[in-house]
N, C-alpha and C. Protein backbone atom coordinates (compact mmCIF):
# COMPACT_ATOMS: atom_id res chain seq x y z
N MET A 1 1.15 -1.23 0.39
CA MET A 1 -0.04 0.00 0.03
C MET A 1 1.08 1.57 0.09
N THR A 2 0.28 2.37 -0.74
CA THR A 2 1.10 3.49 -0.77
C THR A 2 0.32 4.22 0.58
N LYS A 3 1.24 5.20 0.98
CA LYS A 3 1.36 5.59 2.32
C LYS A 3 -0.62 6.75 2.52
N THR A 4 -0.90 6.70 1.44
CA THR A 4 -2.54 7.23 1.38
C THR A 4 -3.02 6.09 1.31
N GLY A 5 -3.19 4.80 0.72
CA GLY A 5 -3.90 3.74 0.82
C GLY A 5 -4.14 2.79 0.13
N MET A 6 -3.59 3.32 -1.26
CA MET A 6 -3.81 2.81 -2.35
C MET A 6 -2.61 1.84 -2.80
N SER A 7 -3.26 0.41 -3.29
CA SER A 7 -2.17 -0.12 -3.46
C SER A 7 -1.20 -0.03 -4.93
N ALA A 8 -0.40 -0.44 -4.98
CA ALA A 8 0.76 -0.37 -5.70
C ALA A 8 0.15 -1.04 -6.85
N GLU A 9 -0.82 -1.93 -6.58
CA GLU A 9 -1.24 -2.79 -7.89
C GLU A 9 -2.38 -2.16 -8.29
N MET A 10 -3.18 -1.62 -7.55
CA MET A 10 -4.06 -0.57 -8.12
C MET A 10 -3.50 0.84 -9.09
N ARG A 11 -2.47 1.23 -8.49
CA ARG A 11 -2.26 2.32 -9.53
C ARG A 11 -1.47 1.72 -10.38
N GLU A 12 -0.69 0.86 -10.57
CA GLU A 12 -0.64 0.48 -12.21
C GLU A 12 -1.56 0.02 -12.42
N ALA A 13 -2.72 -0.59 -12.41
CA ALA A 13 -3.94 -1.17 -13.40
C ALA A 13 -4.73 0.45 -14.18
N ILE A 14 -4.34 1.05 -13.15
CA ILE A 14 -5.04 3.35 -13.19
C ILE A 14 -4.25 3.28 -14.50
N LYS A 15 -2.55 3.31 -14.17
CA LYS A 15 -1.68 3.81 -15.10
C LYS A 15 -2.05 2.84 -16.47
N ASP A 16 -1.83 1.35 -16.44
CA ASP A 16 -2.30 0.62 -17.73
C ASP A 16 -3.37 1.70 -18.39
N SER A 17 -4.81 1.65 -17.70
CA SER A 17 -5.70 2.14 -18.24
C SER A 17 -6.32 3.60 -18.53
N ILE A 18 -5.10 3.92 -18.44
CA ILE A 18 -5.02 5.79 -18.45
C ILE A 18 -4.22 5.48 -20.05
N LYS A 19 -3.55 4.77 -20.13
CA LYS A 19 -2.95 4.41 -21.60
C LYS A 19 -3.56 4.01 -22.51
N LYS A 20 -4.54 2.91 -22.24
CA LYS A 20 -5.70 2.26 -23.25
C LYS A 20 -6.56 3.27 -23.27
N GLU A 21 -7.24 4.43 -22.48
CA GLU A 21 -7.60 5.54 -22.89
C GLU A 21 -6.96 6.68 -24.07
N GLN A 22 -5.77 6.99 -23.70
CA GLN A 22 -5.01 8.10 -24.62
C GLN A 22 -5.00 6.65 -26.21
N GLN A 23 -4.59 5.76 -26.14
CA GLN A 23 -4.84 4.85 -27.68
C GLN A 23 -5.87 4.90 -28.26
N SER A 24 -7.15 4.69 -27.21
CA SER A 24 -8.49 4.81 -28.07
C SER A 24 -8.63 6.37 -28.47
N HIS A 25 -8.26 7.41 -27.47
CA HIS A 25 -8.69 8.72 -28.26
C HIS A 25 -7.38 8.99 -29.59
N ASP A 26 -6.10 8.64 -29.68
CA ASP A 26 -5.51 8.53 -30.67
C ASP A 26 -6.06 7.82 -31.67
N PHE A 27 -6.83 6.71 -31.61
CA PHE A 27 -7.55 6.12 -32.86
C PHE A 27 -8.29 7.08 -33.16
N TYR A 28 -9.21 7.19 -32.34
CA TYR A 28 -10.40 8.08 -32.89
C TYR A 28 -10.32 9.26 -33.92
N ALA A 29 -9.07 9.98 -33.38
CA ALA A 29 -8.59 11.26 -33.67
C ALA A 29 -8.02 10.67 -35.05
N ASP A 30 -7.41 9.57 -35.16
CA ASP A 30 -6.69 9.17 -36.41
C ASP A 30 -7.53 8.64 -37.50
N ALA A 31 -8.48 7.70 -37.04
CA ALA A 31 -9.73 8.13 -37.81
C ALA A 31 -10.38 9.23 -38.45
N ALA A 32 -10.75 10.01 -37.24
CA ALA A 32 -11.46 11.50 -37.99
C ALA A 32 -10.21 11.83 -38.97
N ALA A 33 -9.10 11.90 -39.01
CA ALA A 33 -8.02 12.30 -39.69
C ALA A 33 -8.66 11.70 -41.52
N LYS A 34 -8.54 10.39 -41.31
CA LYS A 34 -8.71 9.84 -42.60
C LYS A 34 -9.75 9.58 -43.01
N VAL A 35 -10.82 9.44 -42.77
CA VAL A 35 -12.32 9.32 -43.31
C VAL A 35 -12.85 10.84 -44.39
N LYS A 36 -13.30 10.30 -45.15
CA LYS A 36 -13.86 11.58 -46.12
C LYS A 36 -15.53 12.12 -45.39
N SER A 37 -16.19 11.15 -45.31
CA SER A 37 -17.54 11.91 -44.75
C SER A 37 -17.33 12.88 -43.34
N LYS A 38 -17.97 13.60 -43.49
CA LYS A 38 -18.10 15.24 -42.42
C LYS A 38 -18.83 14.52 -41.20
N ASP A 39 -19.58 13.63 -41.77
CA ASP A 39 -20.54 13.31 -40.56
C ASP A 39 -19.45 12.30 -39.45
N LEU A 40 -18.78 11.22 -40.46
CA LEU A 40 -17.82 10.19 -39.53
C LEU A 40 -16.55 11.15 -38.65
N THR A 41 -16.20 12.25 -39.40
CA THR A 41 -15.23 12.99 -39.00
C THR A 41 -15.62 13.89 -37.81
N ASP A 42 -17.00 14.08 -37.59
CA ASP A 42 -17.72 14.89 -36.53
C ASP A 42 -17.58 13.85 -34.99
N LEU A 43 -17.91 12.65 -35.75
CA LEU A 43 -18.42 11.32 -34.90
C LEU A 43 -17.02 10.81 -34.24
N PHE A 44 -16.04 10.65 -34.77
CA PHE A 44 -14.72 10.36 -34.92
C PHE A 44 -14.28 11.08 -33.56
N ASN A 45 -14.39 12.72 -34.13
CA ASN A 45 -13.78 13.62 -33.18
C ASN A 45 -14.19 13.09 -31.77
N GLU A 46 -15.51 13.37 -31.74
CA GLU A 46 -16.64 12.86 -30.97
C GLU A 46 -16.25 12.25 -29.73
N LEU A 47 -15.87 10.88 -30.53
CA LEU A 47 -15.51 9.89 -29.32
C LEU A 47 -14.38 10.08 -29.27
N ALA A 48 -13.05 10.57 -29.70
CA ALA A 48 -11.83 10.81 -29.09
C ALA A 48 -12.30 11.95 -28.22
N GLU A 49 -12.63 12.78 -28.01
CA GLU A 49 -12.67 13.89 -26.69
C GLU A 49 -13.28 13.39 -25.83
N GLU A 50 -14.36 12.12 -25.85
CA GLU A 50 -14.77 11.55 -24.27
C GLU A 50 -13.61 10.21 -24.23
N GLU A 51 -12.55 10.26 -25.01
CA GLU A 51 -11.80 9.36 -24.54
C GLU A 51 -10.66 9.86 -23.54
N LEU A 52 -10.95 11.57 -24.34
CA LEU A 52 -9.57 12.24 -23.04
C LEU A 52 -10.38 12.71 -22.03
N GLY A 53 -11.50 12.47 -22.47
CA GLY A 53 -12.70 12.70 -20.67
C GLY A 53 -12.27 11.54 -19.87
N HIS A 54 -12.57 10.15 -20.12
CA HIS A 54 -12.09 8.90 -19.28
C HIS A 54 -10.35 9.19 -18.67
N ARG A 55 -9.77 9.64 -20.12
CA ARG A 55 -8.31 9.80 -19.34
C ARG A 55 -8.27 10.60 -18.47
N SER A 56 -9.25 11.79 -18.47
CA SER A 56 -8.77 12.71 -17.14
C SER A 56 -9.51 12.00 -15.67
N PHE A 57 -10.56 11.78 -16.16
CA PHE A 57 -10.97 11.19 -15.05
C PHE A 57 -10.29 10.11 -14.17
N LEU A 58 -8.91 8.94 -14.92
CA LEU A 58 -8.52 7.89 -14.45
C LEU A 58 -7.28 8.63 -13.33
N GLU A 59 -7.11 10.08 -14.41
CA GLU A 59 -5.56 10.48 -13.79
C GLU A 59 -6.40 11.09 -12.60
N ARG A 60 -7.38 11.69 -12.35
CA ARG A 60 -8.21 12.67 -11.48
C ARG A 60 -7.73 11.33 -9.66
N VAL A 61 -8.58 9.96 -10.71
CA VAL A 61 -8.33 9.16 -9.59
C VAL A 61 -7.16 8.93 -8.47
N LEU A 62 -6.03 8.55 -9.72
CA LEU A 62 -4.87 8.53 -9.56
C LEU A 62 -4.20 9.39 -8.72
N ALA A 63 -4.60 11.01 -8.92
CA ALA A 63 -3.79 12.12 -8.25
C ALA A 63 -4.80 12.04 -6.44
N GLU A 64 -6.36 12.12 -6.71
CA GLU A 64 -6.69 12.10 -5.65
C GLU A 64 -6.56 10.56 -4.60
N GLU A 65 -6.35 9.41 -5.50
CA GLU A 65 -6.35 7.90 -4.52
C GLU A 65 -7.46 7.85 -4.29
N SER A 66 -8.60 8.13 -4.72
CA SER A 66 -10.12 7.36 -4.41
C SER A 66 -10.66 7.43 -5.69
N PHE A 67 -11.67 6.84 -5.47
CA PHE A 67 -13.33 6.95 -6.88
C PHE A 67 -13.98 6.70 -6.17
N SER A 68 -14.85 7.83 -6.09
CA SER A 68 -15.87 8.46 -5.06
C SER A 68 -17.45 8.47 -5.92
N ARG A 69 -17.70 8.51 -7.07
CA ARG A 69 -18.76 8.63 -8.08
C ARG A 69 -19.11 7.73 -8.70
N PRO A 70 -19.89 6.56 -8.39
CA PRO A 70 -20.33 5.76 -9.39
C PRO A 70 -21.15 6.13 -10.11
N ILE A 71 -21.30 5.12 -11.82
CA ILE A 71 -21.71 5.18 -12.70
C ILE A 71 -22.66 4.12 -13.15
N LYS A 72 -23.37 3.79 -13.42
CA LYS A 72 -24.21 3.25 -13.35
C LYS A 72 -24.66 2.18 -14.94
N ALA A 73 -24.60 0.99 -14.62
CA ALA A 73 -24.44 0.44 -16.00
C ALA A 73 -25.91 0.92 -16.44
N GLN A 74 -25.78 1.19 -17.88
CA GLN A 74 -27.05 1.43 -19.09
C GLN A 74 -28.18 0.47 -18.64
N PRO A 75 -29.24 0.67 -18.83
CA PRO A 75 -30.49 0.09 -18.80
C PRO A 75 -30.64 -0.86 -20.20
N THR A 76 -30.38 -0.36 -21.09
CA THR A 76 -30.52 -0.93 -22.39
C THR A 76 -29.44 -1.29 -23.02
N ASP A 77 -29.40 -2.88 -23.37
CA ASP A 77 -28.17 -2.69 -24.00
C ASP A 77 -28.98 -3.87 -25.63
N PHE A 78 -28.79 -3.10 -26.48
CA PHE A 78 -29.17 -3.37 -27.72
C PHE A 78 -28.74 -4.93 -28.09
N ARG A 79 -26.89 -5.47 -27.99
CA ARG A 79 -26.29 -6.18 -27.96
C ARG A 79 -25.79 -6.21 -29.63
N LEU A 80 -26.08 -5.18 -30.13
CA LEU A 80 -25.57 -5.31 -31.55
C LEU A 80 -24.23 -5.73 -31.77
N ALA A 81 -23.37 -5.54 -30.65
CA ALA A 81 -22.00 -6.04 -30.99
C ALA A 81 -21.60 -7.31 -30.75
N GLU A 82 -22.61 -7.68 -30.09
CA GLU A 82 -22.92 -9.59 -29.30
C GLU A 82 -23.42 -10.44 -30.53
N GLU A 83 -24.56 -9.49 -31.48
CA GLU A 83 -24.87 -10.63 -32.03
C GLU A 83 -25.76 -10.27 -33.63
N VAL A 84 -25.31 -8.67 -33.87
CA VAL A 84 -25.46 -8.67 -35.08
C VAL A 84 -24.31 -8.04 -36.08
N ILE A 85 -23.19 -7.44 -35.44
CA ILE A 85 -21.67 -6.77 -35.97
C ILE A 85 -21.38 -8.05 -35.73
N ALA A 86 -20.90 -9.36 -36.80
CA ALA A 86 -20.04 -10.39 -36.31
C ALA A 86 -18.70 -10.03 -35.92
N GLU A 87 -18.04 -9.15 -37.00
CA GLU A 87 -16.85 -8.79 -37.46
C GLU A 87 -16.30 -7.29 -37.45
N LYS A 88 -15.34 -6.64 -36.63
CA LYS A 88 -14.84 -5.33 -36.15
C LYS A 88 -14.84 -5.26 -37.43
N PRO A 89 -15.00 -3.98 -38.63
CA PRO A 89 -14.59 -3.68 -39.84
C PRO A 89 -13.46 -3.18 -39.89
N ASP A 90 -12.90 -2.75 -41.23
CA ASP A 90 -11.25 -2.24 -40.97
C ASP A 90 -11.91 -0.72 -41.42
N LEU A 91 -11.01 0.30 -40.83
CA LEU A 91 -10.45 1.28 -40.79
C LEU A 91 -10.82 2.05 -42.34
N THR A 92 -11.17 2.64 -43.35
CA THR A 92 -10.94 2.52 -44.70
C THR A 92 -11.12 4.33 -44.69
N THR A 93 -10.74 5.02 -45.94
CA THR A 93 -11.03 6.50 -45.57
C THR A 93 -12.27 6.90 -46.41
N ASP A 94 -12.91 5.67 -47.45
CA ASP A 94 -14.43 6.13 -47.65
C ASP A 94 -15.43 4.75 -46.85
N MET A 95 -15.35 4.46 -45.97
CA MET A 95 -15.71 3.81 -45.39
C MET A 95 -17.34 4.22 -45.18
N PRO A 96 -18.38 2.84 -45.44
CA PRO A 96 -19.95 3.91 -45.42
C PRO A 96 -19.80 4.23 -43.80
N PHE A 97 -20.96 4.99 -43.61
CA PHE A 97 -21.47 5.31 -42.00
C PHE A 97 -22.02 4.34 -41.27
N ASP A 98 -22.66 3.57 -41.51
CA ASP A 98 -23.08 2.25 -41.23
C ASP A 98 -21.94 1.61 -40.26
N ALA A 99 -20.66 1.30 -41.39
CA ALA A 99 -19.37 0.30 -41.33
C ALA A 99 -18.81 1.13 -40.18
N ALA A 100 -18.79 2.61 -40.24
CA ALA A 100 -17.81 2.73 -38.66
C ALA A 100 -18.19 3.17 -37.94
N ILE A 101 -19.82 3.02 -37.65
CA ILE A 101 -20.46 3.42 -36.44
C ILE A 101 -19.96 1.53 -36.20
N ALA A 102 -20.09 0.73 -36.96
CA ALA A 102 -19.73 -0.78 -36.43
C ALA A 102 -18.62 -0.92 -35.96
N LEU A 103 -18.05 -0.38 -36.48
CA LEU A 103 -15.96 -0.53 -36.00
C LEU A 103 -15.91 0.38 -34.66
N ALA A 104 -16.77 1.54 -34.51
CA ALA A 104 -16.44 2.34 -33.21
C ALA A 104 -17.46 1.12 -32.21
N ILE A 105 -18.74 0.52 -32.17
CA ILE A 105 -19.29 0.00 -31.20
C ILE A 105 -18.08 -1.54 -31.09
N LYS A 106 -17.47 -2.47 -31.86
CA LYS A 106 -17.00 -2.78 -31.23
C LYS A 106 -15.55 -2.54 -30.61
N ARG A 107 -15.29 -1.11 -31.12
CA ARG A 107 -14.05 -1.03 -30.15
C ARG A 107 -14.77 -0.42 -28.79
N GLU A 108 -15.67 -0.46 -28.40
CA GLU A 108 -16.10 0.06 -27.50
C GLU A 108 -16.50 -1.45 -26.43
N GLU A 109 -17.13 -2.26 -27.27
CA GLU A 109 -17.00 -3.42 -26.54
C GLU A 109 -16.34 -4.24 -26.02
N GLU A 110 -15.18 -4.12 -26.84
CA GLU A 110 -13.69 -4.68 -26.17
C GLU A 110 -13.00 -3.95 -25.04
N ALA A 111 -13.30 -2.42 -25.19
CA ALA A 111 -12.88 -2.34 -23.71
C ALA A 111 -13.94 -2.39 -22.72
N MET A 112 -15.13 -2.78 -23.10
CA MET A 112 -15.85 -2.95 -21.92
C MET A 112 -15.55 -4.18 -21.49
N THR A 113 -15.10 -5.56 -22.58
CA THR A 113 -14.62 -6.32 -21.68
C THR A 113 -13.59 -6.65 -21.36
N LEU A 114 -12.50 -5.55 -21.50
CA LEU A 114 -11.66 -5.40 -20.88
C LEU A 114 -11.78 -4.91 -19.78
N TYR A 115 -12.11 -4.28 -19.26
CA TYR A 115 -12.54 -3.98 -17.76
C TYR A 115 -13.42 -4.61 -16.69
N GLN A 116 -14.68 -5.64 -17.98
CA GLN A 116 -15.27 -6.69 -16.88
C GLN A 116 -13.94 -7.28 -16.82
N GLU A 117 -12.77 -8.01 -17.09
CA GLU A 117 -12.41 -9.06 -17.12
C GLU A 117 -10.67 -8.79 -15.90
N LEU A 118 -10.81 -7.47 -15.97
CA LEU A 118 -10.14 -6.83 -15.43
C LEU A 118 -10.77 -6.15 -13.47
N ALA A 119 -12.04 -6.28 -13.60
CA ALA A 119 -12.90 -6.37 -12.12
C ALA A 119 -12.44 -8.01 -11.82
N ASP A 120 -13.29 -8.40 -12.64
CA ASP A 120 -13.41 -9.81 -12.17
C ASP A 120 -12.17 -10.73 -11.48
N GLU A 121 -10.62 -10.01 -11.93
CA GLU A 121 -9.68 -10.71 -11.68
C GLU A 121 -9.24 -9.64 -10.06
N ILE A 122 -9.93 -8.84 -9.62
CA ILE A 122 -9.81 -8.68 -8.27
C ILE A 122 -10.76 -9.43 -7.23
N THR A 123 -9.47 -9.42 -6.20
CA THR A 123 -10.54 -10.29 -5.03
C THR A 123 -9.73 -8.83 -3.62
N GLY A 124 -10.87 -8.98 -2.81
CA GLY A 124 -10.13 -8.24 -1.69
C GLY A 124 -10.00 -6.51 -1.87
N ASN A 125 -10.35 -6.31 -2.77
CA ASN A 125 -10.33 -4.92 -3.22
C ASN A 125 -11.46 -4.19 -3.74
N GLN A 126 -12.26 -3.93 -2.67
CA GLN A 126 -13.73 -3.19 -3.53
C GLN A 126 -13.58 -2.23 -4.04
N GLU A 127 -13.02 -1.28 -3.67
CA GLU A 127 -12.74 0.36 -4.64
C GLU A 127 -11.94 0.15 -5.98
N MET A 128 -11.11 -1.10 -5.91
CA MET A 128 -10.17 -1.18 -7.16
C MET A 128 -11.51 -2.14 -8.06
N TYR A 129 -12.17 -2.67 -7.61
CA TYR A 129 -13.13 -3.72 -8.24
C TYR A 129 -14.32 -2.76 -9.24
N ASP A 130 -14.53 -2.26 -8.05
CA ASP A 130 -15.43 -0.60 -8.41
C ASP A 130 -15.31 -0.08 -9.28
N MET A 131 -13.98 0.67 -9.28
CA MET A 131 -13.19 1.34 -10.66
C MET A 131 -13.63 0.68 -11.92
N PHE A 132 -13.07 -0.29 -12.08
CA PHE A 132 -13.63 -1.03 -13.33
C PHE A 132 -14.69 -1.45 -13.61
N ILE A 133 -15.52 -1.87 -12.53
CA ILE A 133 -16.98 -1.66 -13.16
C ILE A 133 -17.52 -0.58 -13.83
N ASN A 134 -16.71 0.56 -13.08
CA ASN A 134 -16.84 1.83 -13.23
C ASN A 134 -17.06 2.46 -15.15
N LEU A 135 -15.91 1.88 -15.31
CA LEU A 135 -14.83 1.97 -16.84
C LEU A 135 -15.66 1.18 -17.26
N ARG A 136 -16.19 -0.14 -16.99
CA ARG A 136 -16.92 -0.66 -18.08
C ARG A 136 -18.54 -0.50 -18.25
N ASN A 137 -18.61 0.78 -17.16
CA ASN A 137 -19.91 1.33 -17.80
C ASN A 137 -19.89 2.68 -18.11
N MET A 138 -18.75 3.28 -18.04
CA MET A 138 -18.64 4.50 -19.40
C MET A 138 -18.44 4.11 -20.32
N GLU A 139 -17.82 2.53 -20.64
CA GLU A 139 -17.67 2.11 -22.00
C GLU A 139 -18.81 1.89 -22.62
N GLN A 140 -20.15 1.19 -21.94
CA GLN A 140 -21.15 0.52 -22.33
C GLN A 140 -21.68 1.74 -22.25
N ALA A 141 -21.83 2.69 -21.77
CA ALA A 141 -22.76 4.17 -21.99
C ALA A 141 -22.13 4.44 -23.83
N HIS A 142 -21.20 4.47 -24.03
CA HIS A 142 -20.55 4.74 -25.39
C HIS A 142 -21.50 4.01 -26.53
N LYS A 143 -21.10 2.18 -26.42
CA LYS A 143 -21.23 1.52 -27.07
C LYS A 143 -23.06 1.46 -26.87
N THR A 144 -23.97 1.71 -25.71
CA THR A 144 -25.01 2.02 -26.01
C THR A 144 -25.66 3.41 -26.60
N ARG A 145 -25.21 3.83 -27.09
CA ARG A 145 -25.55 5.55 -27.59
C ARG A 145 -24.82 5.18 -29.47
N LEU A 146 -24.05 4.31 -29.61
CA LEU A 146 -23.47 3.84 -30.94
C LEU A 146 -24.46 2.96 -31.66
N GLU A 147 -24.98 2.35 -30.89
CA GLU A 147 -25.88 0.86 -31.42
C GLU A 147 -27.13 1.85 -31.53
N SER A 148 -27.40 2.81 -30.40
CA SER A 148 -28.79 3.24 -31.18
C SER A 148 -28.49 4.14 -32.51
N ILE A 149 -27.33 4.93 -32.64
CA ILE A 149 -27.12 5.75 -34.03
C ILE A 149 -27.08 4.84 -35.37
N TYR A 150 -26.66 3.17 -35.11
CA TYR A 150 -26.30 2.71 -35.75
C TYR A 150 -27.79 2.01 -36.41
N MET A 151 -28.42 1.43 -35.04
CA MET A 151 -30.10 1.02 -35.54
C MET A 151 -30.76 2.49 -36.75
N ASN A 152 -30.65 3.19 -36.18
CA ASN A 152 -31.19 4.55 -37.07
C ASN A 152 -30.88 4.48 -38.23
N VAL A 153 -29.02 4.14 -38.90
CA VAL A 153 -28.74 4.33 -39.96
C VAL A 153 -29.03 3.04 -40.85
N ALA A 154 -28.54 2.06 -40.08
CA ALA A 154 -28.73 0.82 -40.80
C ALA A 154 -29.95 0.39 -40.50
N TYR A 155 -30.85 0.46 -40.23
CA TYR A 155 -32.24 0.19 -39.99
C TYR A 155 -33.40 1.30 -40.70
N SER A 156 -33.02 2.27 -41.25
CA SER A 156 -33.84 4.07 -41.13
C SER A 156 -35.24 2.74 -42.06
N GLU A 157 -34.88 2.03 -42.75
CA GLU A 157 -36.41 1.54 -43.78
C GLU A 157 -37.30 1.19 -42.63
N VAL A 158 -37.32 0.69 -41.38
CA VAL A 158 -37.85 0.23 -40.68
C VAL A 158 -38.70 1.14 -39.96
N TRP A 159 -37.72 2.30 -40.05
CA TRP A 159 -38.81 3.75 -39.17
C TRP A 159 -39.48 4.53 -40.43
């Protein structure tokens, strides 16, 4: 344990999570620069900013050595990533909007899964477990929002 109570293991887990959030930001910023569609550029820039928000959140947790604000799981999970979108599409400069949304959904699903797996590995440290569950819930919020956009675009003929 550090002098303020956060274990070295927890500090390292948070530092690794900060790196992953930065990598997600970099991916979305790079994607925004590569795609031709203004709508996709705007979407990827927005996602990049949200990942920076996650990074800042984790940096505050690390600096304050505490985590106090729970984030609830989304009540709705459309499960598109698991049931409709079989494979993560490759990023291309001229990808269709629905494929770009599918790519973002799969990335958010991967982040959710990672944070859930990290939480599941925690024993005897409720604060650390709660932190990873909250990170999973943040990624789930992104995924749910993206799935809603995907349904409106990919299944617009139904409406």
